[in-house]
Amino acid sequence: MADKEPGPGVMYRGGRYNPGQEGQYGSMGGYDIEGTRPPSDKSLLRGAMKPPEYDEATQVNMCELVLLPWFLLALVMLCYLIAGANGQIAVLWIMPSVLVLIITYYIGTKYSLGDSDEVVLGFLMMMAVIIGTAVGLFGNFTSLQELHRINQGASYFNVLPSEPAASHLDASSIVFVNGTRVNTGEFFGFTDASSALAPVYCVAPVTSGEVGFKRIEYWAAGINCCGPNKPFTCGKVQSQNAHGGLLLEPQLQEGEGQKFFERAIHGALDKYGLVGGNDYILLNWMPDPVKYRDDLWHGGWKLFAVFGGVYLIISAMVGFVIYPILKSS
């Protein structure tokens, strides 16, 4: 029987399949597939088959290890600085929560693909977000919340202590004219005698310093800063340069606080023959309320700036330690 011409072959995934000898796969469209399958970039074992140039192109580099975590930390702290100073409490929780969810998804995806370099980078970014959130919360509680409270109210300057308190009820800070002082000799403290641990609510009148000044509109006030055997020391009343103050924190004037401060005021009026106005304002006495407000802002951004610089150095040190390990693996 005469030999037959070999058939035209069959098409295989877009290439022509040419039969080879027994025990061989043959060839397909220019790919030598003898004894093996074509490489696949979707394989979970691709790390063992990818060429050297693929490793260099896809491996996490030093800049990513150092700068990406630091960038996320700086982003979180910048968010806390701006949102905290403006009282946007929701942003303080939404921002880090979203970043944590995104990074968690990133780590899980890279882990399932076997990309150990990317998993390590993901954990460094997660740590940076958590640390940035902790520092942001510290700065918010120590300065930015108080800064926002002060910025919510009005600031009055060159106020006479005889001016009606009713005209300044929207104030967050008041600076009186020179010569205004707190008469610490006419203070009064009130406490709940039914409880041994109850705080003492202390008030002292703000006066012009003139003899016979009896109508009191403004009071220096505080908690546990006076007593039967100690003088009135609320705020900075001992400073000769102090002639102003910030509105006493609202949480101290709410509920029982308001009731007990009013009783302390009435006690001082009755004891020293003073006359109270139609309204009153309780002040945390200090030399310069405006400088105090500015110091809160400067303290907040300096905290974040210094920590950001320190963390950049730490991130660089971590990167120099981890990068050779990842490269060798």
C-alpha atoms as a PDB file:
ATOM      1  CA  MET A   1       0.000   0.000   0.000  1.00  0.00           C
ATOM      2  CA  ALA A   2       1.358   3.382  -0.946  1.00  0.00           C
ATOM      3  CA  ASP A   3       2.265   5.793   1.754  1.00  0.00           C
ATOM      4  CA  LYS A   4      -0.314   8.525   2.336  1.00  0.00           C
ATOM      5  CA  GLU A   5       0.438  12.185   2.633  1.00  0.00           C
ATOM      6  CA  PRO A   6       0.147  13.426   6.227  1.00  0.00           C
ATOM      7  CA  GLY A   7      -3.059  15.239   6.919  1.00  0.00           C
ATOM      8  CA  PRO A   8      -3.281  18.992   7.178  1.00  0.00           C
ATOM      9  CA  GLY A   9      -3.245  18.744  10.935  1.00  0.00           C
ATOM     10  CA  VAL A  10      -5.715  20.247  13.426  1.00  0.00           C
ATOM     11  CA  MET A  11      -6.101  23.742  14.881  1.00  0.00           C
ATOM     12  CA  TYR A  12      -5.263  24.052  18.597  1.00  0.00           C
ATOM     13  CA  ARG A  13      -6.021  27.345  20.428  1.00  0.00           C
ATOM     14  CA  GLY A  14      -5.440  29.430  17.388  1.00  0.00           C
ATOM     15  CA  GLY A  15      -2.238  27.562  16.302  1.00  0.00           C
ATOM     16  CA  ARG A  16      -1.755  24.611  14.067  1.00  0.00           C
ATOM     17  CA  TYR A  17      -0.991  21.386  15.869  1.00  0.00           C
ATOM     18  CA  ASN A  18       1.545  19.168  14.042  1.00  0.00           C
ATOM     19  CA  PRO A  19       1.810  15.607  15.309  1.00  0.00           C
ATOM     20  CA  GLY A  20       5.251  14.565  16.392  1.00  0.00           C
ATOM     21  CA  GLN A  21       6.772  11.271  17.254  1.00  0.00           C
ATOM     22  CA  GLU A  22       5.237   8.959  19.772  1.00  0.00           C
ATOM     23  CA  GLY A  23       5.613  10.309  23.277  1.00  0.00           C
ATOM     24  CA  GLN A  24       5.870  13.922  22.174  1.00  0.00           C
ATOM     25  CA  TYR A  25       3.322  16.692  22.240  1.00  0.00           C
ATOM     26  CA  GLY A  26       4.470  18.180  19.014  1.00  0.00           C
ATOM     27  CA  SER A  27       4.514  21.920  18.367  1.00  0.00           C
ATOM     28  CA  MET A  28       1.884  24.668  18.386  1.00  0.00           C
ATOM     29  CA  GLY A  29       2.134  27.930  16.573  1.00  0.00           C
ATOM     30  CA  GLY A  30       5.851  28.333  17.207  1.00  0.00           C
ATOM     31  CA  TYR A  31       5.733  27.311  20.882  1.00  0.00           C
ATOM     32  CA  ASP A  32       7.846  24.337  21.736  1.00  0.00           C
ATOM     33  CA  ILE A  33       5.546  22.329  23.970  1.00  0.00           C
ATOM     34  CA  GLU A  34       7.476  19.111  23.919  1.00  0.00           C
ATOM     35  CA  GLY A  35       7.004  17.440  27.260  1.00  0.00           C
ATOM     36  CA  THR A  36       5.493  20.470  28.990  1.00  0.00           C
ATOM     37  CA  ARG A  37       2.488  22.818  29.022  1.00  0.00           C
ATOM     38  CA  PRO A  38       2.602  26.419  27.818  1.00  0.00           C
ATOM     39  CA  PRO A  39       3.420  28.825  30.700  1.00  0.00           C
ATOM     40  CA  SER A  40       0.455  30.597  32.281  1.00  0.00           C
ATOM     41  CA  ASP A  41       0.630  33.888  34.180  1.00  0.00           C
ATOM     42  CA  LYS A  42      -2.563  32.898  35.995  1.00  0.00           C
ATOM     43  CA  SER A  43      -1.040  29.851  37.679  1.00  0.00           C
ATOM     44  CA  LEU A  44      -0.593  29.965  41.454  1.00  0.00           C
ATOM     45  CA  LEU A  45       2.814  28.374  40.839  1.00  0.00           C
ATOM     46  CA  ARG A  46       3.905  31.007  38.366  1.00  0.00           C
ATOM     47  CA  GLY A  47       6.655  32.088  40.738  1.00  0.00           C
ATOM     48  CA  ALA A  48       8.604  28.944  39.783  1.00  0.00           C
ATOM     49  CA  MET A  49       8.145  29.470  36.045  1.00  0.00           C
ATOM     50  CA  LYS A  50       8.422  33.223  35.550  1.00  0.00           C
ATOM     51  CA  PRO A  51      11.632  34.401  33.876  1.00  0.00           C
ATOM     52  CA  PRO A  52      14.248  36.525  35.685  1.00  0.00           C
ATOM     53  CA  GLU A  53      13.179  39.712  33.954  1.00  0.00           C
ATOM     54  CA  TYR A  54       9.608  39.165  35.244  1.00  0.00           C
ATOM     55  CA  ASP A  55      10.919  39.011  38.840  1.00  0.00           C
ATOM     56  CA  GLU A  56      12.703  42.347  38.500  1.00  0.00           C
ATOM     57  CA  ALA A  57       9.657  44.015  36.983  1.00  0.00           C
ATOM     58  CA  THR A  58       7.126  42.860  39.552  1.00  0.00           C
ATOM     59  CA  GLN A  59       9.112  42.740  42.801  1.00  0.00           C
ATOM     60  CA  VAL A  60       8.338  45.419  45.411  1.00  0.00           C
ATOM     61  CA  ASN A  61      11.107  48.000  45.360  1.00  0.00           C
ATOM     62  CA  MET A  62      12.726  49.990  48.139  1.00  0.00           C
ATOM     63  CA  CYS A  63      10.809  53.198  47.454  1.00  0.00           C
ATOM     64  CA  GLU A  64       7.484  51.402  47.814  1.00  0.00           C
ATOM     65  CA  LEU A  65       8.509  49.779  51.089  1.00  0.00           C
ATOM     66  CA  VAL A  66       9.591  53.109  52.558  1.00  0.00           C
ATOM     67  CA  LEU A  67       7.316  55.747  51.047  1.00  0.00           C
ATOM     68  CA  LEU A  68       3.927  54.057  50.691  1.00  0.00           C
ATOM     69  CA  PRO A  69       3.475  53.339  54.449  1.00  0.00           C
ATOM     70  CA  TRP A  70       4.806  56.786  55.312  1.00  0.00           C
ATOM     71  CA  PHE A  71       2.452  58.429  52.793  1.00  0.00           C
ATOM     72  CA  LEU A  72      -0.579  56.700  54.324  1.00  0.00           C
ATOM     73  CA  LEU A  73       0.483  57.733  57.836  1.00  0.00           C
ATOM     74  CA  ALA A  74       0.916  61.345  56.693  1.00  0.00           C
ATOM     75  CA  LEU A  75      -2.460  61.244  54.936  1.00  0.00           C
ATOM     76  CA  VAL A  76      -4.239  60.012  58.073  1.00  0.00           C
ATOM     77  CA  MET A  77      -2.585  62.622  60.310  1.00  0.00           C
ATOM     78  CA  LEU A  78      -3.349  65.420  57.840  1.00  0.00           C
ATOM     79  CA  CYS A  79      -6.985  64.298  57.835  1.00  0.00           C
ATOM     80  CA  TYR A  80      -7.063  64.393  61.643  1.00  0.00           C
ATOM     81  CA  LEU A  81      -5.430  67.819  61.732  1.00  0.00           C
ATOM     82  CA  ILE A  82      -7.922  69.456  59.366  1.00  0.00           C
ATOM     83  CA  ALA A  83     -11.066  67.553  60.346  1.00  0.00           C
ATOM     84  CA  GLY A  84     -10.296  67.716  64.073  1.00  0.00           C
ATOM     85  CA  ALA A  85      -9.754  71.476  64.047  1.00  0.00           C
ATOM     86  CA  ASN A  86     -13.074  71.893  62.246  1.00  0.00           C
ATOM     87  CA  GLY A  87     -15.037  69.476  64.438  1.00  0.00           C
ATOM     88  CA  GLN A  88     -15.802  66.963  61.667  1.00  0.00           C
ATOM     89  CA  ILE A  89     -15.887  63.968  63.978  1.00  0.00           C
ATOM     90  CA  ALA A  90     -17.354  61.548  61.392  1.00  0.00           C
ATOM     91  CA  VAL A  91     -14.363  62.037  59.084  1.00  0.00           C
ATOM     92  CA  LEU A  92     -12.007  61.033  61.892  1.00  0.00           C
ATOM     93  CA  TRP A  93     -13.490  57.519  61.894  1.00  0.00           C
ATOM     94  CA  ILE A  94     -14.510  57.089  58.246  1.00  0.00           C
ATOM     95  CA  MET A  95     -11.079  57.850  56.781  1.00  0.00           C
ATOM     96  CA  PRO A  96      -9.004  55.227  58.674  1.00  0.00           C
ATOM     97  CA  SER A  97     -11.824  52.670  58.486  1.00  0.00           C
ATOM     98  CA  VAL A  98     -11.956  52.880  54.688  1.00  0.00           C
ATOM     99  CA  LEU A  99      -8.167  52.610  54.429  1.00  0.00           C
ATOM    100  CA  VAL A 100      -8.111  49.552  56.705  1.00  0.00           C
ATOM    101  CA  LEU A 101     -10.778  47.823  54.591  1.00  0.00           C
ATOM    102  CA  ILE A 102      -8.947  48.571  51.332  1.00  0.00           C
ATOM    103  CA  ILE A 103      -5.606  47.357  52.696  1.00  0.00           C
ATOM    104  CA  THR A 104      -7.207  44.221  54.155  1.00  0.00           C
ATOM    105  CA  TYR A 105      -8.659  43.385  50.728  1.00  0.00           C
ATOM    106  CA  TYR A 106      -5.269  44.079  49.138  1.00  0.00           C
ATOM    107  CA  ILE A 107      -3.454  41.753  51.553  1.00  0.00           C
ATOM    108  CA  GLY A 108      -6.015  38.984  51.085  1.00  0.00           C
ATOM    109  CA  THR A 109      -5.843  39.197  47.285  1.00  0.00           C
ATOM    110  CA  LYS A 110      -2.042  39.186  47.148  1.00  0.00           C
ATOM    111  CA  TYR A 111      -1.849  36.336  49.642  1.00  0.00           C
ATOM    112  CA  SER A 112      -4.149  34.182  47.511  1.00  0.00           C
ATOM    113  CA  LEU A 113      -1.878  34.829  44.504  1.00  0.00           C
ATOM    114  CA  GLY A 114       1.247  33.964  46.453  1.00  0.00           C
ATOM    115  CA  ASP A 115       2.768  37.449  46.181  1.00  0.00           C
ATOM    116  CA  SER A 116       4.680  37.479  49.457  1.00  0.00           C
ATOM    117  CA  ASP A 117       6.361  40.822  48.655  1.00  0.00           C
ATOM    118  CA  GLU A 118       3.006  42.536  48.254  1.00  0.00           C
ATOM    119  CA  VAL A 119       1.676  40.924  51.434  1.00  0.00           C
ATOM    120  CA  VAL A 120       4.588  42.343  53.434  1.00  0.00           C
ATOM    121  CA  LEU A 121       3.992  45.772  51.889  1.00  0.00           C
ATOM    122  CA  GLY A 122       0.314  45.501  52.818  1.00  0.00           C
ATOM    123  CA  PHE A 123       1.122  44.783  56.454  1.00  0.00           C
ATOM    124  CA  LEU A 124       3.502  47.769  56.574  1.00  0.00           C
ATOM    125  CA  MET A 125       0.750  50.016  55.188  1.00  0.00           C
ATOM    126  CA  MET A 126      -1.762  48.630  57.696  1.00  0.00           C
ATOM    127  CA  MET A 127       0.613  49.340  60.572  1.00  0.00           C
ATOM    128  CA  ALA A 128       1.165  52.889  59.313  1.00  0.00           C
ATOM    129  CA  VAL A 129      -2.585  53.587  59.187  1.00  0.00           C
ATOM    130  CA  ILE A 130      -3.114  52.226  62.711  1.00  0.00           C
ATOM    131  CA  ILE A 131      -0.204  54.239  64.154  1.00  0.00           C
ATOM    132  CA  GLY A 132      -1.322  57.373  62.294  1.00  0.00           C
ATOM    133  CA  THR A 133      -4.834  56.957  63.709  1.00  0.00           C
ATOM    134  CA  ALA A 134      -3.487  56.586  67.260  1.00  0.00           C
ATOM    135  CA  VAL A 135      -1.361  59.730  66.940  1.00  0.00           C
ATOM    136  CA  GLY A 136      -4.281  61.581  65.335  1.00  0.00           C
ATOM    137  CA  LEU A 137      -6.619  60.670  68.192  1.00  0.00           C
ATOM    138  CA  PHE A 138      -4.016  61.815  70.740  1.00  0.00           C
ATOM    139  CA  GLY A 139      -3.628  65.170  69.012  1.00  0.00           C
ATOM    140  CA  ASN A 140      -7.370  65.546  68.679  1.00  0.00           C
ATOM    141  CA  PHE A 141      -8.058  64.906  72.364  1.00  0.00           C
ATOM    142  CA  THR A 142      -5.179  67.046  73.653  1.00  0.00           C
ATOM    143  CA  SER A 143      -5.585  70.168  71.520  1.00  0.00           C
ATOM    144  CA  LEU A 144      -7.784  70.062  68.415  1.00  0.00           C
ATOM    145  CA  GLN A 145     -11.128  69.519  70.165  1.00  0.00           C
ATOM    146  CA  GLU A 146     -10.467  72.480  72.456  1.00  0.00           C
ATOM    147  CA  LEU A 147      -9.359  74.546  69.450  1.00  0.00           C
ATOM    148  CA  HIS A 148     -12.625  73.783  67.682  1.00  0.00           C
ATOM    149  CA  ARG A 149     -14.647  74.747  70.768  1.00  0.00           C
ATOM    150  CA  ILE A 150     -12.884  78.105  71.009  1.00  0.00           C
ATOM    151  CA  ASN A 151     -13.291  78.793  67.297  1.00  0.00           C
ATOM    152  CA  GLN A 152     -17.039  78.201  67.549  1.00  0.00           C
ATOM    153  CA  GLY A 153     -17.577  81.304  69.703  1.00  0.00           C
ATOM    154  CA  ALA A 154     -16.856  85.000  69.378  1.00  0.00           C
ATOM    155  CA  SER A 155     -13.840  86.812  70.810  1.00  0.00           C
ATOM    156  CA  TYR A 156     -14.309  90.145  72.574  1.00  0.00           C
ATOM    157  CA  PHE A 157     -11.549  92.643  73.413  1.00  0.00           C
ATOM    158  CA  ASN A 158     -11.277  95.646  75.731  1.00  0.00           C
ATOM    159  CA  VAL A 159     -14.394  94.621  77.631  1.00  0.00           C
ATOM    160  CA  LEU A 160     -15.306  96.494  80.800  1.00  0.00           C
ATOM    161  CA  PRO A 161     -16.183  94.242  83.753  1.00  0.00           C
ATOM    162  CA  SER A 162     -19.294  96.378  84.252  1.00  0.00           C
ATOM    163  CA  GLU A 163     -20.667  95.568  80.775  1.00  0.00           C
ATOM    164  CA  PRO A 164     -23.720  93.275  80.889  1.00  0.00           C
ATOM    165  CA  ALA A 165     -22.852  89.622  80.464  1.00  0.00           C
ATOM    166  CA  ALA A 166     -25.997  89.245  78.359  1.00  0.00           C
ATOM    167  CA  SER A 167     -24.283  91.124  75.516  1.00  0.00           C
ATOM    168  CA  HIS A 168     -21.438  88.571  75.380  1.00  0.00           C
ATOM    169  CA  LEU A 169     -23.232  85.264  75.833  1.00  0.00           C
ATOM    170  CA  ASP A 170     -21.924  84.059  72.466  1.00  0.00           C
ATOM    171  CA  ALA A 171     -18.313  84.556  73.562  1.00  0.00           C
ATOM    172  CA  SER A 172     -15.687  81.851  73.713  1.00  0.00           C
ATOM    173  CA  SER A 173     -12.947  84.263  74.839  1.00  0.00           C
ATOM    174  CA  ILE A 174     -12.998  87.663  76.522  1.00  0.00           C
ATOM    175  CA  VAL A 175     -10.111  90.077  77.044  1.00  0.00           C
ATOM    176  CA  PHE A 176     -10.880  92.830  79.558  1.00  0.00           C
ATOM    177  CA  VAL A 177      -9.371  96.280  79.779  1.00  0.00           C
ATOM    178  CA  ASN A 178      -6.116  96.700  81.677  1.00  0.00           C
ATOM    179  CA  GLY A 179      -6.611  96.922  85.420  1.00  0.00           C
ATOM    180  CA  THR A 180      -9.332  94.263  85.506  1.00  0.00           C
ATOM    181  CA  ARG A 181      -8.640  91.633  88.105  1.00  0.00           C
ATOM    182  CA  VAL A 182     -10.192  88.761  90.024  1.00  0.00           C
ATOM    183  CA  ASN A 183     -10.991  89.537  93.645  1.00  0.00           C
ATOM    184  CA  THR A 184      -9.696  86.307  95.162  1.00  0.00           C
ATOM    185  CA  GLY A 185     -10.603  87.524  98.642  1.00  0.00           C
ATOM    186  CA  GLU A 186     -14.304  87.165  97.860  1.00  0.00           C
ATOM    187  CA  PHE A 187     -14.382  83.632  96.490  1.00  0.00           C
ATOM    188  CA  PHE A 188     -16.961  81.031  97.370  1.00  0.00           C
ATOM    189  CA  GLY A 189     -16.908  77.251  97.017  1.00  0.00           C
ATOM    190  CA  PHE A 190     -19.942  74.977  96.954  1.00  0.00           C
ATOM    191  CA  THR A 191     -19.989  71.190  97.207  1.00  0.00           C
ATOM    192  CA  ASP A 192     -22.543  68.448  97.705  1.00  0.00           C
ATOM    193  CA  ALA A 193     -22.185  67.666 101.396  1.00  0.00           C
ATOM    194  CA  SER A 194     -23.979  64.348 101.003  1.00  0.00           C
ATOM    195  CA  SER A 195     -20.955  62.865  99.200  1.00  0.00           C
ATOM    196  CA  ALA A 196     -17.428  62.858 100.585  1.00  0.00           C
ATOM    197  CA  LEU A 197     -15.995  62.656  97.058  1.00  0.00           C
ATOM    198  CA  ALA A 198     -18.099  65.454  95.568  1.00  0.00           C
ATOM    199  CA  PRO A 199     -16.052  68.169  93.789  1.00  0.00           C
ATOM    200  CA  VAL A 200     -15.926  71.775  94.986  1.00  0.00           C
ATOM    201  CA  TYR A 201     -17.354  74.361  92.560  1.00  0.00           C
ATOM    202  CA  CYS A 202     -15.423  77.595  93.005  1.00  0.00           C
ATOM    203  CA  VAL A 203     -16.168  81.155  91.836  1.00  0.00           C
ATOM    204  CA  ALA A 204     -14.610  84.583  92.407  1.00  0.00           C
ATOM    205  CA  PRO A 205     -15.867  87.943  91.041  1.00  0.00           C
ATOM    206  CA  VAL A 206     -14.190  89.786  88.158  1.00  0.00           C
ATOM    207  CA  THR A 207     -13.922  93.466  89.124  1.00  0.00           C
ATOM    208  CA  SER A 208     -12.431  96.707  87.884  1.00  0.00           C
ATOM    209  CA  GLY A 209     -10.238  96.924  90.969  1.00  0.00           C
ATOM    210  CA  GLU A 210     -12.059 100.023  92.217  1.00  0.00           C
ATOM    211  CA  VAL A 211     -13.338 100.213  95.770  1.00  0.00           C
ATOM    212  CA  GLY A 212     -17.092  99.867  95.897  1.00  0.00           C
ATOM    213  CA  PHE A 213     -17.406  97.802  92.697  1.00  0.00           C
ATOM    214  CA  LYS A 214     -20.355  95.578  93.604  1.00  0.00           C
ATOM    215  CA  ARG A 215     -22.273  94.594  90.448  1.00  0.00           C
ATOM    216  CA  ILE A 216     -20.747  91.365  89.173  1.00  0.00           C
ATOM    217  CA  GLU A 217     -21.356  90.136  85.626  1.00  0.00           C
ATOM    218  CA  TYR A 218     -18.333  87.859  85.147  1.00  0.00           C
ATOM    219  CA  TRP A 219     -16.805  85.205  87.374  1.00  0.00           C
ATOM    220  CA  ALA A 220     -13.527  83.343  87.350  1.00  0.00           C
ATOM    221  CA  ALA A 221     -14.448  79.727  88.013  1.00  0.00           C
ATOM    222  CA  GLY A 222     -13.114  76.215  88.312  1.00  0.00           C
ATOM    223  CA  ILE A 223     -13.438  72.926  90.124  1.00  0.00           C
ATOM    224  CA  ASN A 224     -11.442  71.864  93.203  1.00  0.00           C
ATOM    225  CA  CYS A 225      -9.340  75.032  93.147  1.00  0.00           C
ATOM    226  CA  CYS A 226     -10.516  76.518  96.448  1.00  0.00           C
ATOM    227  CA  GLY A 227     -11.450  75.325  99.886  1.00  0.00           C
ATOM    228  CA  PRO A 228     -11.896  76.228 103.546  1.00  0.00           C
ATOM    229  CA  ASN A 229      -8.169  76.084 104.192  1.00  0.00           C
ATOM    230  CA  LYS A 230      -6.723  77.120 100.824  1.00  0.00           C
ATOM    231  CA  PRO A 231      -7.047  80.219  98.635  1.00  0.00           C
ATOM    232  CA  PHE A 232      -8.744  80.595  95.279  1.00  0.00           C
ATOM    233  CA  THR A 233      -6.299  79.283  92.634  1.00  0.00           C
ATOM    234  CA  CYS A 234      -8.519  78.626  89.621  1.00  0.00           C
ATOM    235  CA  GLY A 235      -6.861  79.323  86.288  1.00  0.00           C
ATOM    236  CA  LYS A 236      -4.012  81.850  86.323  1.00  0.00           C
ATOM    237  CA  VAL A 237      -5.474  84.271  88.862  1.00  0.00           C
ATOM    238  CA  GLN A 238      -2.077  84.674  90.492  1.00  0.00           C
ATOM    239  CA  SER A 239      -0.594  86.179  87.322  1.00  0.00           C
ATOM    240  CA  GLN A 240      -0.361  89.962  87.305  1.00  0.00           C
ATOM    241  CA  ASN A 241      -0.691  89.963  83.505  1.00  0.00           C
ATOM    242  CA  ALA A 242      -3.928  88.007  83.423  1.00  0.00           C
ATOM    243  CA  HIS A 243      -6.985  90.070  82.506  1.00  0.00           C
ATOM    244  CA  GLY A 244      -9.054  87.763  80.352  1.00  0.00           C
ATOM    245  CA  GLY A 245     -10.268  84.233  79.997  1.00  0.00           C
ATOM    246  CA  LEU A 246     -11.944  81.501  78.013  1.00  0.00           C
ATOM    247  CA  LEU A 247     -15.514  80.427  78.521  1.00  0.00           C
ATOM    248  CA  LEU A 248     -15.486  77.589  81.037  1.00  0.00           C
ATOM    249  CA  GLU A 249     -15.840  74.210  79.340  1.00  0.00           C
ATOM    250  CA  PRO A 250     -19.513  73.441  78.582  1.00  0.00           C
ATOM    251  CA  GLN A 251     -19.295  69.965  80.114  1.00  0.00           C
ATOM    252  CA  LEU A 252     -18.483  71.563  83.469  1.00  0.00           C
ATOM    253  CA  GLN A 253     -21.599  73.748  83.290  1.00  0.00           C
ATOM    254  CA  GLU A 254     -24.100  71.073  82.315  1.00  0.00           C
ATOM    255  CA  GLY A 255     -26.492  69.192  84.576  1.00  0.00           C
ATOM    256  CA  GLU A 256     -25.460  69.318  88.214  1.00  0.00           C
ATOM    257  CA  GLY A 257     -22.497  71.513  87.310  1.00  0.00           C
ATOM    258  CA  GLN A 258     -24.763  74.381  86.309  1.00  0.00           C
ATOM    259  CA  LYS A 259     -26.834  74.007  89.469  1.00  0.00           C
ATOM    260  CA  PHE A 260     -23.829  73.925  91.789  1.00  0.00           C
ATOM    261  CA  PHE A 261     -22.078  76.871  90.105  1.00  0.00           C
ATOM    262  CA  GLU A 262     -25.253  78.929  90.476  1.00  0.00           C
ATOM    263  CA  ARG A 263     -25.373  78.067  94.163  1.00  0.00           C
ATOM    264  CA  ALA A 264     -21.733  79.109  94.526  1.00  0.00           C
ATOM    265  CA  ILE A 265     -22.530  82.445  92.839  1.00  0.00           C
ATOM    266  CA  HIS A 266     -25.501  83.044  95.117  1.00  0.00           C
ATOM    267  CA  GLY A 267     -23.349  82.147  98.121  1.00  0.00           C
ATOM    268  CA  ALA A 268     -20.731  84.733  97.119  1.00  0.00           C
ATOM    269  CA  LEU A 269     -23.396  87.412  96.505  1.00  0.00           C
ATOM    270  CA  ASP A 270     -24.973  86.842  99.902  1.00  0.00           C
ATOM    271  CA  LYS A 271     -21.732  86.511 101.846  1.00  0.00           C
ATOM    272  CA  TYR A 272     -19.978  89.613 100.472  1.00  0.00           C
ATOM    273  CA  GLY A 273     -22.976  91.859  99.765  1.00  0.00           C
ATOM    274  CA  LEU A 274     -22.477  91.781  95.991  1.00  0.00           C
ATOM    275  CA  VAL A 275     -25.127  92.360  93.308  1.00  0.00           C
ATOM    276  CA  GLY A 276     -25.505  89.895  90.467  1.00  0.00           C
ATOM    277  CA  GLY A 277     -26.437  90.780  86.890  1.00  0.00           C
ATOM    278  CA  ASN A 278     -29.311  89.334  84.899  1.00  0.00           C
ATOM    279  CA  ASP A 279     -26.902  86.787  83.411  1.00  0.00           C
ATOM    280  CA  TYR A 280     -23.417  85.607  84.231  1.00  0.00           C
ATOM    281  CA  ILE A 281     -20.396  84.208  82.393  1.00  0.00           C
ATOM    282  CA  LEU A 282     -17.960  81.760  83.951  1.00  0.00           C
ATOM    283  CA  LEU A 283     -14.364  82.116  82.776  1.00  0.00           C
ATOM    284  CA  ASN A 284     -11.181  80.090  82.918  1.00  0.00           C
ATOM    285  CA  TRP A 285      -8.895  82.994  83.825  1.00  0.00           C
ATOM    286  CA  MET A 286      -5.631  83.374  81.883  1.00  0.00           C
ATOM    287  CA  PRO A 287      -3.213  86.075  80.616  1.00  0.00           C
ATOM    288  CA  ASP A 288      -3.854  85.794  76.851  1.00  0.00           C
ATOM    289  CA  PRO A 289      -6.764  83.725  75.509  1.00  0.00           C
ATOM    290  CA  VAL A 290      -5.798  84.454  71.879  1.00  0.00           C
ATOM    291  CA  LYS A 291      -2.263  83.163  72.385  1.00  0.00           C
ATOM    292  CA  TYR A 292      -3.667  80.095  74.103  1.00  0.00           C
ATOM    293  CA  ARG A 293      -5.848  79.388  71.060  1.00  0.00           C
ATOM    294  CA  ASP A 294      -2.917  79.866  68.674  1.00  0.00           C
ATOM    295  CA  ASP A 295      -0.746  77.573  70.792  1.00  0.00           C
ATOM    296  CA  LEU A 296      -3.352  74.820  70.471  1.00  0.00           C
ATOM    297  CA  TRP A 297      -3.140  74.988  66.676  1.00  0.00           C
ATOM    298  CA  HIS A 298       0.654  75.192  66.607  1.00  0.00           C
ATOM    299  CA  GLY A 299       0.949  72.336  69.068  1.00  0.00           C
ATOM    300  CA  GLY A 300      -1.334  70.151  66.945  1.00  0.00           C
ATOM    301  CA  TRP A 301       0.437  70.532  63.615  1.00  0.00           C
ATOM    302  CA  LYS A 302       3.898  70.424  65.191  1.00  0.00           C
ATOM    303  CA  LEU A 303       3.037  67.094  66.841  1.00  0.00           C
ATOM    304  CA  PHE A 304       2.005  65.612  63.489  1.00  0.00           C
ATOM    305  CA  ALA A 305       4.951  67.139  61.589  1.00  0.00           C
ATOM    306  CA  VAL A 306       7.568  65.883  64.063  1.00  0.00           C
ATOM    307  CA  PHE A 307       6.047  62.409  64.265  1.00  0.00           C
ATOM    308  CA  GLY A 308       5.787  62.249  60.471  1.00  0.00           C
ATOM    309  CA  GLY A 309       9.498  63.012  60.161  1.00  0.00           C
ATOM    310  CA  VAL A 310      10.427  60.441  62.802  1.00  0.00           C
ATOM    311  CA  TYR A 311       8.251  57.797  61.169  1.00  0.00           C
ATOM    312  CA  LEU A 312       9.898  58.436  57.786  1.00  0.00           C
ATOM    313  CA  ILE A 313      13.261  57.588  59.361  1.00  0.00           C
ATOM    314  CA  ILE A 314      11.798  54.472  61.011  1.00  0.00           C
ATOM    315  CA  SER A 315      10.165  53.424  57.730  1.00  0.00           C
ATOM    316  CA  ALA A 316      13.493  53.809  55.899  1.00  0.00           C
ATOM    317  CA  MET A 317      15.252  51.645  58.500  1.00  0.00           C
ATOM    318  CA  VAL A 318      12.574  48.949  58.219  1.00  0.00           C
ATOM    319  CA  GLY A 319      12.786  49.079  54.437  1.00  0.00           C
ATOM    320  CA  PHE A 320      16.574  48.615  54.441  1.00  0.00           C
ATOM    321  CA  VAL A 321      16.179  45.562  56.675  1.00  0.00           C
ATOM    322  CA  ILE A 322      13.272  43.915  54.838  1.00  0.00           C
ATOM    323  CA  TYR A 323      14.198  44.647  51.213  1.00  0.00           C
ATOM    324  CA  PRO A 324      17.268  42.324  51.018  1.00  0.00           C
ATOM    325  CA  ILE A 325      15.221  39.531  52.560  1.00  0.00           C
ATOM    326  CA  LEU A 326      12.426  39.925  50.005  1.00  0.00           C
ATOM    327  CA  LYS A 327      14.898  40.200  47.127  1.00  0.00           C
ATOM    328  CA  SER A 328      16.719  37.017  48.117  1.00  0.00           C
ATOM    329  CA  SER A 329      13.470  35.090  48.460  1.00  0.00           C
END
